[in-house]
Protein backbone atom coordinates (compact mmCIF):
# COMPACT_ATOMS: atom_id res chain seq x y z
CA MET A 1 -33.38 96.01 -31.41
CA TYR A 2 -36.98 94.80 -31.08
CA ILE A 3 -38.35 97.74 -33.05
CA LYS A 4 -35.75 97.25 -35.79
CA HIS A 5 -36.66 93.55 -35.97
CA CYS A 6 -40.37 94.40 -36.29
CA GLU A 7 -39.59 96.90 -39.04
CA PHE A 8 -37.49 94.28 -40.84
CA VAL A 9 -40.27 91.68 -40.64
CA ARG A 10 -42.84 94.19 -41.93
CA ALA A 11 -40.52 95.05 -44.85
CA VAL A 12 -39.78 91.43 -45.79
CA VAL A 13 -43.03 89.54 -45.17
CA PRO A 14 -45.86 90.14 -47.69
CA GLU A 15 -48.77 92.00 -46.11
CA GLU A 16 -51.25 89.17 -46.74
CA GLN A 17 -48.95 86.78 -44.84
CA LEU A 18 -48.33 89.03 -41.83
CA LEU A 19 -50.54 89.56 -38.81
CA VAL A 20 -49.48 92.23 -36.36
CA PHE A 21 -51.43 91.01 -33.35
CA GLU A 22 -52.06 92.29 -29.85
CA PRO A 23 -53.75 89.92 -27.37
CA SER A 24 -56.23 92.68 -26.49
CA MET A 25 -57.64 92.23 -30.02
CA GLY A 26 -59.13 88.87 -29.01
CA TRP A 27 -59.88 85.87 -31.19
CA GLY A 28 -61.40 87.72 -34.18
CA PRO A 29 -58.33 88.93 -36.11
CA LEU A 30 -56.26 85.86 -35.22
CA CYS A 31 -58.90 83.36 -36.33
CA ALA A 32 -59.65 85.35 -39.49
CA PHE A 33 -55.94 85.44 -40.36
CA LEU A 34 -55.60 81.68 -39.80
CA ASP A 35 -58.93 81.01 -41.54
CA LYS A 36 -60.16 79.14 -38.47
CA PRO A 37 -63.39 79.49 -36.49
CA VAL A 38 -63.45 81.32 -33.17
CA PRO A 39 -63.17 78.67 -30.41
CA VAL A 40 -66.38 77.79 -28.58
CA ASN A 41 -67.12 75.49 -25.67
CA GLU A 42 -69.57 72.57 -25.62
CA SER A 43 -72.56 74.89 -25.16
CA GLY A 44 -71.57 77.05 -28.14
CA GLN A 45 -70.31 80.03 -26.14
CA VAL A 46 -67.15 81.77 -27.31
CA ILE A 47 -64.17 80.85 -25.15
CA SER A 48 -62.60 84.01 -23.78
CA PHE A 49 -59.15 84.83 -25.09
CA PRO A 50 -56.46 83.86 -22.54
CA HIS A 51 -54.74 86.75 -20.78
CA ILE A 52 -51.88 84.91 -19.06
CA ASN A 53 -49.56 87.91 -18.95
CA ASP A 54 -51.94 90.44 -17.45
CA ARG A 55 -50.81 92.52 -14.48
CA THR A 56 -52.68 90.45 -11.87
CA SER A 57 -51.29 87.15 -13.13
CA MET A 58 -47.75 88.50 -13.34
CA ASN A 59 -47.94 90.01 -9.83
CA GLY A 60 -49.14 86.65 -8.50
CA MET A 61 -46.32 84.84 -10.27
CA VAL A 62 -43.70 87.26 -8.94
CA CYS A 63 -45.08 86.85 -5.43
CA CYS A 64 -44.91 83.05 -5.71
CA LEU A 65 -41.34 83.17 -7.02
CA ILE A 66 -40.25 85.48 -4.20
CA ASN A 67 -41.85 83.18 -1.63
CA LEU A 68 -40.18 80.16 -3.22
CA GLY A 69 -36.82 81.94 -3.16
CA VAL A 70 -37.22 82.84 0.52
CA LEU A 71 -38.17 79.24 1.32
CA LEU A 72 -35.20 77.82 -0.56
CA TRP A 73 -32.74 80.25 1.03
CA GLY A 74 -34.22 79.38 4.41
CA ALA A 75 -33.62 75.70 3.72
CA VAL A 76 -30.01 76.43 2.68
CA ILE A 77 -29.42 78.38 5.89
CA VAL A 78 -30.90 75.60 8.05
CA VAL A 79 -28.71 72.98 6.33
CA LEU A 80 -25.63 75.16 6.81
CA ILE A 81 -26.41 75.67 10.49
CA PHE A 82 -26.76 71.92 11.05
CA ALA A 83 -23.60 71.20 9.04
CA LEU A 84 -21.57 73.77 10.97
CA GLY A 85 -22.97 72.45 14.23
CA ALA A 86 -21.94 68.91 13.30
CA LEU A 87 -18.44 70.08 12.37
CA ALA A 88 -18.06 72.00 15.65
CA ARG A 89 -18.59 68.83 17.75
């Protein structure tokens, strides 16, 4: 489905209006396509292109979500234990 969609977009959108972009390409092609300068910080150095979805970031996010899930399930279990204890009295 994704590949067919990409093929459709390439067939419909004029070449000069289409940028097929990979984040590994960095700022250059994106800024050139948008006719914008490459972003720089206050000292004039090029700001590195963000890599939010790299393997390390994704592994860290998955780890945090697993820990949050364990914590929430632990809280549910504790509440259930207290509720069942209160009902048993």
